[in-house]
Protein backbone atom coordinates (compact mmCIF):
# COMPACT_ATOMS: atom_id res chain seq x y z
CA MET A 1 -49.12 -88.01 -41.97
CA LYS A 2 -51.20 -90.74 -43.53
CA ARG A 3 -54.87 -89.94 -43.67
CA LEU A 4 -56.87 -91.21 -40.73
CA ARG A 5 -58.97 -93.38 -42.97
CA ASP A 6 -55.87 -95.17 -44.22
CA LEU A 7 -54.57 -96.00 -40.67
CA ASP A 8 -54.98 -99.65 -39.61
CA TYR A 9 -57.03 -99.59 -36.47
CA PHE A 10 -56.73 -103.36 -36.20
CA LEU A 11 -53.16 -102.59 -35.17
CA ILE A 12 -53.64 -99.39 -33.32
CA VAL A 13 -56.48 -100.47 -30.98
CA PRO A 14 -54.80 -103.68 -29.67
CA TYR A 15 -51.56 -101.66 -29.19
CA LEU A 16 -53.32 -99.01 -27.10
CA LEU A 17 -55.11 -101.62 -25.02
CA LEU A 18 -51.82 -103.47 -24.33
CA CYS A 19 -50.12 -100.23 -23.33
CA ALA A 20 -53.04 -99.34 -20.96
CA ILE A 21 -52.98 -102.77 -19.37
CA GLY A 22 -49.18 -102.44 -19.08
CA ILE A 23 -49.39 -99.13 -17.17
CA VAL A 24 -51.88 -100.58 -14.69
CA MET A 25 -50.04 -103.83 -14.23
CA VAL A 26 -46.63 -102.17 -13.86
CA TYR A 27 -48.07 -100.00 -11.12
CA SER A 28 -49.60 -102.95 -9.42
CA ALA A 29 -46.49 -105.22 -9.75
CA SER A 30 -43.91 -102.58 -8.80
CA SER A 31 -45.48 -101.17 -5.65
CA ASN A 32 -43.23 -103.29 -3.34
CA VAL A 33 -40.14 -102.78 -5.57
CA ALA A 34 -40.65 -98.99 -5.39
CA ILE A 35 -40.80 -99.05 -1.60
CA GLU A 36 -37.68 -101.19 -1.43
CA ASN A 37 -35.84 -98.73 -3.65
CA GLY A 38 -36.93 -95.81 -1.43
CA THR A 39 -39.34 -94.20 -3.87
CA THR A 40 -43.06 -93.73 -3.78
CA PRO A 41 -45.36 -96.59 -4.89
CA GLY A 42 -46.40 -94.61 -7.91
CA ALA A 43 -42.85 -93.97 -9.24
CA TYR A 44 -42.85 -96.84 -11.71
CA LEU A 45 -46.42 -95.84 -12.82
CA VAL A 46 -45.18 -92.37 -13.83
CA ARG A 47 -42.10 -93.81 -15.62
CA GLN A 48 -44.07 -96.35 -17.52
CA ALA A 49 -46.62 -93.77 -18.49
CA PHE A 50 -43.75 -91.56 -19.67
CA TRP A 51 -42.36 -94.36 -21.84
CA VAL A 52 -45.81 -95.14 -23.24
CA VAL A 53 -46.21 -91.52 -24.27
CA ILE A 54 -42.68 -91.57 -25.84
CA GLY A 55 -43.64 -94.72 -27.63
CA LEU A 56 -46.85 -93.17 -28.89
CA LEU A 57 -44.92 -90.25 -30.30
CA ILE A 58 -42.45 -92.64 -31.95
CA THR A 59 -45.40 -94.57 -33.44
CA ILE A 60 -46.86 -91.39 -34.89
CA PHE A 61 -43.49 -90.32 -36.34
CA MET A 62 -42.87 -93.71 -37.93
CA THR A 63 -46.40 -93.74 -39.34
CA ALA A 64 -45.89 -90.35 -40.94
CA MET A 65 -42.38 -90.73 -42.30
CA ASN A 66 -41.51 -91.51 -45.95
CA THR A 67 -40.07 -95.00 -45.94
CA ARG A 68 -37.80 -94.29 -48.90
CA TYR A 69 -35.32 -92.78 -46.42
CA LEU A 70 -34.90 -96.21 -44.91
CA HIS A 71 -33.42 -97.45 -48.22
CA TYR A 72 -30.45 -95.10 -48.15
CA LYS A 73 -27.04 -96.91 -47.94
CA GLN A 74 -25.95 -94.23 -45.37
CA PHE A 75 -28.67 -95.47 -43.01
CA TYR A 76 -27.62 -99.10 -43.42
CA TRP A 77 -23.79 -98.77 -43.10
CA GLY A 78 -23.97 -95.91 -40.58
CA GLY A 79 -26.38 -97.88 -38.37
CA MET A 80 -24.29 -101.07 -38.69
CA LEU A 81 -21.13 -99.19 -37.64
CA ILE A 82 -22.74 -97.30 -34.71
CA LEU A 83 -24.43 -100.42 -33.26
CA ASP A 84 -21.40 -102.62 -33.70
CA VAL A 85 -19.21 -100.08 -31.84
CA MET A 86 -21.84 -99.72 -29.09
CA LEU A 87 -22.14 -103.43 -28.61
CA ALA A 88 -18.38 -103.89 -28.59
CA GLY A 89 -18.01 -101.08 -26.09
CA LEU A 90 -20.51 -102.76 -23.78
CA LEU A 91 -18.10 -105.72 -23.36
CA VAL A 92 -15.58 -103.52 -21.69
CA GLY A 93 -17.59 -100.71 -20.13
CA GLY A 94 -21.27 -101.67 -20.05
CA LYS A 95 -23.43 -101.51 -16.98
CA THR A 96 -24.24 -105.05 -15.74
CA ILE A 97 -27.84 -105.78 -14.84
CA ASN A 98 -29.04 -109.37 -14.20
CA GLY A 99 -25.70 -110.78 -15.32
CA ALA A 100 -25.55 -109.02 -18.68
CA ALA A 101 -23.23 -106.09 -19.41
CA GLY A 102 -25.73 -104.72 -21.98
CA TRP A 103 -26.64 -101.27 -20.69
CA ILE A 104 -25.42 -97.74 -21.32
CA THR A 105 -26.17 -95.25 -18.56
CA LEU A 106 -27.28 -91.80 -19.64
CA GLY A 107 -27.99 -89.95 -16.39
CA PRO A 108 -31.15 -91.43 -14.90
CA ILE A 109 -31.81 -93.51 -18.01
CA ASN A 110 -30.40 -96.95 -18.92
CA ILE A 111 -30.31 -97.67 -22.69
CA GLN A 112 -30.07 -101.27 -23.96
CA PRO A 113 -28.55 -101.18 -27.51
CA ALA A 114 -29.53 -104.80 -28.21
CA GLU A 115 -33.17 -103.71 -28.26
CA PHE A 116 -32.54 -101.32 -31.11
CA VAL A 117 -30.58 -103.94 -33.03
CA LYS A 118 -33.88 -105.77 -33.55
CA PHE A 119 -35.57 -102.79 -35.23
CA PHE A 120 -32.49 -101.90 -37.28
CA LEU A 121 -31.89 -105.38 -38.61
CA ILE A 122 -35.55 -105.69 -39.64
CA VAL A 123 -35.37 -102.52 -41.70
CA ALA A 124 -31.85 -103.07 -43.01
CA THR A 125 -32.43 -106.69 -44.00
CA ALA A 126 -35.79 -105.80 -45.70
CA SER A 127 -34.08 -102.98 -47.58
CA ARG A 128 -31.19 -105.12 -48.82
CA LEU A 129 -33.29 -108.13 -49.74
CA GLY A 130 -36.05 -106.03 -51.23
CA ARG A 131 -33.67 -104.50 -53.82
CA ARG A 132 -33.36 -107.64 -55.96
CA SER A 133 -35.82 -108.15 -58.79
CA ASP A 134 -38.18 -111.10 -58.72
CA GLU A 135 -36.34 -112.61 -61.63
CA GLU A 136 -32.92 -112.58 -59.90
CA PRO A 137 -32.07 -115.91 -58.42
CA MET A 138 -31.27 -115.74 -54.71
CA LEU A 139 -28.07 -117.77 -54.82
CA ASN A 140 -26.29 -116.49 -57.93
CA GLY A 141 -22.87 -114.81 -57.81
CA HIS A 142 -24.28 -111.30 -57.85
CA TRP A 143 -26.46 -111.98 -54.82
CA TRP A 144 -23.47 -113.13 -52.78
CA THR A 145 -21.37 -110.21 -53.89
CA THR A 146 -23.93 -107.65 -52.71
CA ASN A 147 -25.18 -109.42 -49.57
CA ALA A 148 -22.16 -111.32 -48.09
CA LYS A 149 -20.87 -108.26 -46.13
CA PRO A 150 -24.27 -107.24 -44.69
CA LEU A 151 -24.91 -110.78 -43.66
CA ALA A 152 -21.53 -111.02 -42.02
CA LEU A 153 -22.11 -107.78 -40.13
CA SER A 154 -25.49 -109.01 -38.94
CA LEU A 155 -23.85 -112.20 -37.65
CA LEU A 156 -21.26 -110.03 -35.95
CA MET A 157 -24.08 -108.17 -34.13
CA ILE A 158 -25.51 -111.45 -32.95
CA MET A 159 -22.05 -112.55 -31.69
CA LEU A 160 -21.55 -109.33 -29.80
CA VAL A 161 -25.02 -109.64 -28.12
CA LEU A 162 -24.12 -113.25 -27.16
CA LEU A 163 -20.88 -112.11 -25.58
CA GLN A 164 -22.64 -109.67 -23.20
CA PRO A 165 -24.11 -112.34 -22.61
CA ASP A 166 -27.72 -111.72 -23.66
CA MET A 167 -29.08 -115.04 -24.78
CA GLY A 168 -32.69 -113.92 -25.03
CA SER A 169 -32.00 -110.98 -27.41
CA ALA A 170 -29.56 -113.12 -29.48
CA MET A 171 -32.25 -115.71 -29.91
CA ILE A 172 -34.86 -113.12 -31.00
CA ILE A 173 -32.46 -111.43 -33.49
CA SER A 174 -31.45 -114.74 -34.92
CA GLY A 175 -35.07 -115.77 -35.35
CA ILE A 176 -35.89 -112.53 -37.13
CA LEU A 177 -33.00 -112.89 -39.58
CA VAL A 178 -33.79 -116.55 -40.38
CA MET A 179 -37.50 -115.78 -40.97
CA MET A 180 -36.80 -112.80 -43.19
CA TYR A 181 -34.23 -114.63 -45.36
CA LEU A 182 -36.56 -117.58 -45.76
CA ALA A 183 -39.48 -115.27 -46.68
CA SER A 184 -37.27 -113.64 -49.38
CA GLY A 185 -36.82 -116.95 -51.13
CA PHE A 186 -33.57 -118.12 -49.48
CA SER A 187 -32.91 -121.86 -49.75
CA TYR A 188 -34.25 -123.80 -46.82
CA LYS A 189 -31.31 -126.29 -47.04
CA LEU A 190 -28.74 -123.52 -47.10
CA MET A 191 -30.38 -121.68 -44.23
CA GLY A 192 -30.41 -124.91 -42.23
CA ALA A 193 -26.68 -125.29 -42.92
CA ILE A 194 -26.00 -121.69 -41.79
CA VAL A 195 -28.11 -122.11 -38.60
CA GLY A 196 -26.40 -125.45 -37.84
CA GLY A 197 -23.01 -123.82 -38.40
CA GLY A 198 -23.96 -120.94 -36.11
CA ILE A 199 -24.95 -123.31 -33.34
CA ALA A 200 -21.73 -125.25 -33.73
CA PHE A 201 -19.73 -122.00 -33.75
CA TYR A 202 -21.51 -120.97 -30.52
CA LEU A 203 -20.83 -124.30 -28.79
CA CYS A 204 -17.24 -124.66 -29.93
CA ILE A 205 -15.97 -121.10 -29.84
CA LEU A 206 -18.30 -118.56 -28.17
CA LEU A 207 -19.34 -120.72 -25.22
CA PRO A 208 -15.69 -121.34 -24.11
CA ILE A 209 -15.04 -117.55 -24.50
CA MET A 210 -18.07 -116.80 -22.33
CA PHE A 211 -16.80 -119.27 -19.73
CA LYS A 212 -13.47 -117.55 -19.71
CA ILE A 213 -15.04 -114.11 -19.37
CA GLY A 214 -17.32 -115.40 -16.65
CA LYS A 215 -14.48 -116.88 -14.72
CA ALA A 216 -13.34 -113.37 -13.96
CA THR A 217 -16.62 -111.52 -13.78
CA HIS A 218 -19.01 -114.24 -12.54
CA VAL A 219 -21.33 -113.60 -15.47
CA THR A 220 -21.13 -117.17 -16.73
CA SER A 221 -21.87 -118.58 -13.30
CA TYR A 222 -24.98 -116.47 -13.26
CA LYS A 223 -26.12 -117.87 -16.60
CA LEU A 224 -25.30 -121.43 -15.54
CA ALA A 225 -27.36 -120.92 -12.38
CA ARG A 226 -30.33 -120.14 -14.58
CA ILE A 227 -29.79 -123.31 -16.58
CA VAL A 228 -29.62 -125.32 -13.30
CA ALA A 229 -32.80 -123.68 -12.09
CA PHE A 230 -34.52 -124.43 -15.40
CA VAL A 231 -33.64 -128.18 -15.13
CA ASP A 232 -34.53 -128.62 -11.44
CA PRO A 233 -36.14 -125.45 -9.90
CA PHE A 234 -37.52 -127.18 -6.85
CA GLY A 235 -34.16 -128.81 -6.14
CA HIS A 236 -32.66 -125.31 -5.85
CA GLN A 237 -35.70 -123.52 -4.32
CA SER A 238 -33.69 -121.56 -1.86
CA GLY A 239 -31.15 -120.38 -4.47
CA SER A 240 -31.18 -120.14 -8.20
CA GLY A 241 -34.54 -121.87 -8.57
CA SER A 242 -36.44 -119.37 -6.37
CA GLN A 243 -37.53 -117.22 -9.35
CA LEU A 244 -39.16 -120.05 -11.24
CA VAL A 245 -40.65 -121.64 -8.15
CA ASN A 246 -42.31 -118.37 -7.03
CA SER A 247 -43.54 -117.89 -10.63
CA TYR A 248 -45.22 -121.27 -10.32
CA TYR A 249 -46.77 -120.23 -7.02
CA ALA A 250 -48.12 -116.99 -8.56
CA ILE A 251 -49.69 -118.88 -11.44
CA SER A 252 -51.18 -121.42 -9.12
CA ASN A 253 -52.57 -118.74 -6.76
CA GLY A 254 -54.28 -116.96 -9.68
CA GLY A 255 -56.24 -119.91 -10.99
CA LEU A 256 -58.91 -118.94 -13.62
CA PHE A 257 -60.05 -115.54 -12.42
CA GLY A 258 -57.16 -114.39 -10.17
CA VAL A 259 -57.04 -112.99 -6.65
CA GLY A 260 -57.86 -109.49 -7.78
CA LEU A 261 -55.89 -106.45 -8.99
CA GLY A 262 -53.26 -105.41 -6.42
CA ASN A 263 -53.64 -108.55 -4.27
CA SER A 264 -50.65 -110.49 -5.48
CA ILE A 265 -48.64 -112.23 -2.72
CA GLN A 266 -45.55 -113.13 -4.84
CA LYS A 267 -44.77 -109.49 -5.79
CA ARG A 268 -44.18 -108.69 -2.07
CA GLY A 269 -40.53 -109.65 -2.02
CA TYR A 270 -40.86 -113.27 -3.17
CA LEU A 271 -40.65 -112.90 -6.89
CA PRO A 272 -37.84 -110.68 -8.26
CA GLU A 273 -38.35 -108.43 -11.28
CA PRO A 274 -42.20 -108.53 -10.92
CA ASN A 275 -42.60 -105.51 -13.11
CA THR A 276 -40.33 -106.65 -15.99
CA ASP A 277 -39.33 -110.27 -16.61
CA PHE A 278 -42.08 -111.81 -14.44
CA ILE A 279 -44.93 -109.36 -14.97
CA MET A 280 -47.00 -112.12 -16.68
CA ALA A 281 -46.70 -114.23 -13.51
CA ILE A 282 -48.13 -111.32 -11.48
CA ILE A 283 -50.91 -110.81 -14.08
CA SER A 284 -51.70 -114.49 -13.84
CA GLU A 285 -51.95 -114.22 -10.15
CA GLU A 286 -54.04 -111.13 -10.01
CA LEU A 287 -56.15 -111.43 -13.12
CA GLY A 288 -56.03 -115.20 -13.59
CA LEU A 289 -55.85 -117.24 -16.73
CA ILE A 290 -58.57 -115.08 -18.30
CA GLY A 291 -56.43 -111.95 -17.96
CA VAL A 292 -53.41 -113.70 -19.48
CA LEU A 293 -55.45 -115.00 -22.43
CA ILE A 294 -56.82 -111.53 -23.13
CA ILE A 295 -53.34 -110.13 -23.34
CA LEU A 296 -52.06 -113.02 -25.45
CA CYS A 297 -55.05 -112.62 -27.84
CA LEU A 298 -54.36 -108.91 -28.24
CA LEU A 299 -50.74 -109.45 -29.13
CA ALA A 300 -51.59 -112.47 -31.31
CA PHE A 301 -54.07 -110.18 -33.17
CA ILE A 302 -51.28 -107.72 -33.99
CA VAL A 303 -48.97 -110.60 -35.09
CA CYS A 304 -51.66 -112.14 -37.29
CA ARG A 305 -52.61 -108.75 -38.74
CA ALA A 306 -48.93 -108.15 -39.65
CA ILE A 307 -48.77 -111.48 -41.42
CA TYR A 308 -52.05 -110.71 -43.25
CA ILE A 309 -50.70 -107.36 -44.48
CA GLY A 310 -47.50 -109.05 -45.62
CA ILE A 311 -49.44 -111.73 -47.54
CA HIS A 312 -51.53 -109.15 -49.44
CA SER A 313 -48.63 -106.81 -50.17
CA LYS A 314 -47.07 -106.57 -53.64
CA ASN A 315 -43.88 -104.84 -52.47
CA THR A 316 -41.00 -107.01 -51.39
CA PHE A 317 -39.73 -104.45 -48.83
CA ASN A 318 -43.20 -104.19 -47.24
CA ILE A 319 -43.63 -107.93 -47.18
CA LEU A 320 -40.34 -108.42 -45.35
CA ILE A 321 -41.07 -105.67 -42.89
CA CYS A 322 -44.35 -107.31 -41.98
CA TYR A 323 -42.87 -110.74 -41.54
CA GLY A 324 -39.90 -109.32 -39.58
CA VAL A 325 -42.04 -107.37 -37.15
CA ALA A 326 -44.45 -110.28 -36.71
CA THR A 327 -41.53 -112.62 -35.90
CA TYR A 328 -40.06 -110.08 -33.51
CA PHE A 329 -43.28 -109.70 -31.49
CA ALA A 330 -44.10 -113.42 -31.54
CA ILE A 331 -40.64 -114.72 -30.51
CA GLN A 332 -40.21 -112.09 -27.80
CA ALA A 333 -43.52 -113.00 -26.23
CA PHE A 334 -42.79 -116.70 -26.57
CA VAL A 335 -39.37 -116.40 -24.88
CA ASN A 336 -40.84 -114.32 -21.97
CA ILE A 337 -43.80 -116.61 -21.37
CA GLY A 338 -41.51 -119.65 -21.79
CA GLY A 339 -39.28 -118.41 -18.97
CA VAL A 340 -42.25 -117.61 -16.73
CA VAL A 341 -43.76 -121.13 -17.03
CA GLY A 342 -40.47 -123.03 -17.01
CA PHE A 343 -40.65 -124.07 -20.71
CA LEU A 344 -37.48 -122.09 -21.43
CA PRO A 345 -34.58 -120.86 -19.26
CA ILE A 346 -35.07 -117.40 -17.83
CA THR A 347 -33.40 -114.95 -20.17
CA GLY A 348 -34.55 -111.51 -18.93
CA VAL A 349 -36.66 -110.76 -22.02
CA THR A 350 -39.63 -108.46 -21.47
CA PHE A 351 -43.18 -109.03 -22.67
CA PRO A 352 -44.14 -106.67 -25.53
CA PHE A 353 -45.98 -103.46 -24.50
CA ILE A 354 -46.63 -104.85 -20.99
CA SER A 355 -43.38 -105.06 -19.10
CA TYR A 356 -41.64 -102.00 -17.65
CA GLY A 357 -38.78 -100.65 -19.69
CA GLY A 358 -37.93 -97.78 -22.04
CA SER A 359 -35.54 -99.35 -24.54
CA SER A 360 -38.00 -102.22 -25.20
CA MET A 361 -40.92 -99.86 -25.61
CA MET A 362 -39.02 -97.64 -28.05
CA SER A 363 -37.89 -100.58 -30.14
CA LEU A 364 -41.38 -102.08 -30.22
CA THR A 365 -43.07 -98.85 -31.16
CA LEU A 366 -40.53 -98.12 -33.88
CA CYS A 367 -41.52 -101.42 -35.44
CA LEU A 368 -45.26 -101.00 -34.85
CA GLY A 369 -45.23 -97.49 -36.35
CA LEU A 370 -43.42 -98.81 -39.44
CA LEU A 371 -45.99 -101.60 -39.71
CA ILE A 372 -48.85 -99.12 -39.59
CA ASN A 373 -47.04 -97.07 -42.23
CA VAL A 374 -46.74 -100.12 -44.48
CA SER A 375 -50.44 -100.98 -44.00
CA ALA A 376 -51.40 -97.43 -44.96
CA GLN A 377 -49.23 -97.60 -48.05
CA GLU A 378 -50.91 -100.81 -49.16
CA LYS A 379 -54.40 -99.30 -48.61
CA ILE A 380 -53.49 -96.28 -50.69
CA ALA A 381 -52.00 -98.44 -53.46
CA ARG A 382 -55.09 -100.63 -53.60
CA ARG A 383 -57.40 -97.57 -53.72
CA LYS A 384 -55.45 -96.12 -56.64
CA GLY A 385 -55.42 -99.50 -58.40
CA LEU A 386 -51.66 -99.74 -58.36
């Protein structure tokens, strides 16, 4: 393991604080949910603490590992194949939760493969793009020969995630890929054309397919209900708009300093998913705007620190890892908060390190551990004068 003096405590301390806050708030937000599900009020506390410990072990492992193993072609192509098969399998046999067939049931545990796609694509994309020399033009024939297939497989992953349908994860994955390609020197104009083509492809081909699938499974109608609720939540207060309206009530009740830990009204059967999608609304109600700002500042510190490490790195792979992880954390938080305050449609995306959930915690800590590893590498290189 990297020496303790080389570890980046500007990443570790905010992470541990966020996890501690997450355990407390999951316990507070899930008390009513646990009773409704026939379990003890502390059931979700134990589960969240378990996932935090698992995440901490993953972080330690990723911090200690030699990152050269992540450059192996077997890792890239094997991971691509496994994830594509899993995502395709979800379309026919996945467990449906909140309108998305994106879950694999393993006994008492539900695994969401789309969460691990985020980590894998960050590593795989950084490895592929980091192999080119600084003198090699990004858009010459050799670049397209070696990167066309990986890029196509990455787009296939996004399409499979969209078909579940999981709009939130697809948005995050797309944002990560776009940012990493731009950071590697990819043409802004060409990237704009690719993004525009992807949007057109979604509107003209994938959206009609999703409508057709939803006609039989009611998945699409569930997604359309969220769009309707986003446009006019109070007009559908008794139906699809109830989530967003009750989120507004929670934020309003909290004010600046909140009503006190454990005293939320909206978590008592009014606001669904209070411990996952809408945990920030419960935090706003119980801890107020001050509590929300503290959490946002802690996460923003991690994001800014990742960007800082990337800016000062001399290794292309490390640079892209830093930018990819920073984009992942930032977009995921933005999508979650955007849904809670009505700025974006509700997508079911969790808030990093705070919301309840094992798949999300494992994916986030895989990325964070790798980021701490990269930071330690840079410190060692600078100390040795490399």
